Amino acid sequence: MSSRRSRQSSVPRITDDQIIDLVSKLRQLLPEISQRRSDKVSASKVLQETCNYIRNLHREVDDLSERLSQLLATIDADSPEAAIIRSLIM
């Protein structure tokens, strides 16, 4: 138990002001929340929307990667277009 306490005390604590600042920054990055007129969005809602937004971005990246791979399969592998597509995938 004392080893747990010593590890916890060595970890810097985040203050309430820092949490408020970070949630505010997240709020500004989220299109759905930043477009709202009201500033009254709970921190839990901001965190929930952040998770949803990141999941959606991952899906979009996967979809675009798949589309690029399909496009690459339909063109000449030695063409300049193929080189551009390969550079986008990597």
Protein backbone atom coordinates (compact mmCIF):
# COMPACT_ATOMS: atom_id res chain seq x y z
CA MET A 1 0.00 0.00 0.00
CA SER A 2 2.82 2.42 0.76
CA SER A 3 4.33 1.80 -2.68
CA ARG A 4 1.05 2.86 -4.24
CA ARG A 5 1.05 6.07 -2.21
CA SER A 6 4.64 6.85 -3.18
CA ARG A 7 3.81 6.36 -6.85
CA GLN A 8 0.72 8.55 -6.59
CA SER A 9 2.58 11.34 -4.83
CA SER A 10 5.23 11.42 -7.58
CA VAL A 11 2.59 11.92 -10.28
CA PRO A 12 1.88 15.61 -10.81
CA ARG A 13 -1.70 16.52 -9.95
CA ILE A 14 -3.87 18.30 -12.46
CA THR A 15 -5.75 21.25 -11.05
CA ASP A 16 -9.41 22.08 -11.57
CA ASP A 17 -8.37 25.14 -13.56
CA GLN A 18 -6.28 22.98 -15.87
CA ILE A 19 -9.21 20.61 -16.41
CA ILE A 20 -11.52 23.54 -17.17
CA ASP A 21 -8.96 24.92 -19.64
CA LEU A 22 -8.53 21.56 -21.39
CA VAL A 23 -12.28 20.98 -21.66
CA SER A 24 -12.63 24.48 -23.09
CA LYS A 25 -9.96 23.72 -25.70
CA LEU A 26 -11.71 20.46 -26.62
CA ARG A 27 -15.02 22.31 -26.91
CA GLN A 28 -13.46 24.66 -29.47
CA LEU A 29 -12.16 21.75 -31.55
CA LEU A 30 -15.49 19.96 -31.82
CA PRO A 31 -17.54 21.20 -34.76
CA GLU A 32 -20.87 20.12 -33.31
CA ILE A 33 -20.31 21.90 -30.01
CA SER A 34 -18.38 24.94 -31.24
CA GLN A 35 -21.24 25.82 -33.61
CA ARG A 36 -23.79 25.96 -30.80
CA ARG A 37 -24.79 29.35 -29.52
CA SER A 38 -24.85 28.29 -25.89
CA ASP A 39 -21.70 27.91 -23.83
CA LYS A 40 -23.57 25.70 -21.36
CA VAL A 41 -22.22 22.28 -22.31
CA SER A 42 -21.14 19.99 -19.50
CA ALA A 43 -17.60 18.65 -19.32
CA SER A 44 -18.93 15.10 -19.57
CA LYS A 45 -20.82 16.01 -22.78
CA VAL A 46 -17.64 17.56 -24.22
CA LEU A 47 -15.66 14.41 -23.40
CA GLN A 48 -18.40 12.19 -24.84
CA GLU A 49 -18.55 14.24 -28.04
CA THR A 50 -14.75 14.20 -28.26
CA CYS A 51 -14.74 10.39 -28.16
CA ASN A 52 -17.47 10.25 -30.82
CA TYR A 53 -15.63 12.74 -33.01
CA ILE A 54 -12.37 10.78 -32.78
CA ARG A 55 -14.20 7.53 -33.61
CA ASN A 56 -15.76 9.20 -36.65
CA LEU A 57 -12.38 10.53 -37.77
CA HIS A 58 -10.91 7.04 -37.51
CA ARG A 59 -13.76 5.69 -39.65
CA GLU A 60 -13.21 8.42 -42.23
CA VAL A 61 -9.48 7.67 -42.38
CA ASP A 62 -10.20 3.96 -42.82
CA ASP A 63 -12.76 4.68 -45.55
CA LEU A 64 -10.43 7.05 -47.41
CA SER A 65 -7.54 4.60 -47.15
CA GLU A 66 -9.74 1.88 -48.59
CA ARG A 67 -10.87 4.13 -51.43
CA LEU A 68 -7.28 5.08 -52.20
CA SER A 69 -6.27 1.43 -52.21
CA GLN A 70 -9.10 0.61 -54.61
CA LEU A 71 -8.13 3.50 -56.85
CA LEU A 72 -4.51 2.38 -56.82
CA ALA A 73 -5.60 -1.10 -57.91
CA THR A 74 -7.32 0.35 -60.98
CA ILE A 75 -4.44 2.39 -62.40
CA ASP A 76 -1.02 1.60 -63.86
CA ALA A 77 1.35 0.91 -60.96
CA ASP A 78 4.19 2.86 -62.63
CA SER A 79 2.16 5.99 -63.40
CA PRO A 80 2.73 9.33 -61.63
CA GLU A 81 -0.81 9.09 -60.25
CA ALA A 82 0.02 5.76 -58.62
CA ALA A 83 3.08 7.30 -56.98
CA ILE A 84 0.95 10.10 -55.54
CA ILE A 85 -1.63 7.65 -54.21
CA ARG A 86 1.07 5.46 -52.65
CA SER A 87 2.55 8.52 -50.92
CA LEU A 88 -0.89 9.37 -49.50
CA ILE A 89 -1.40 5.86 -48.16
CA MET A 90 1.96 5.63 -46.43
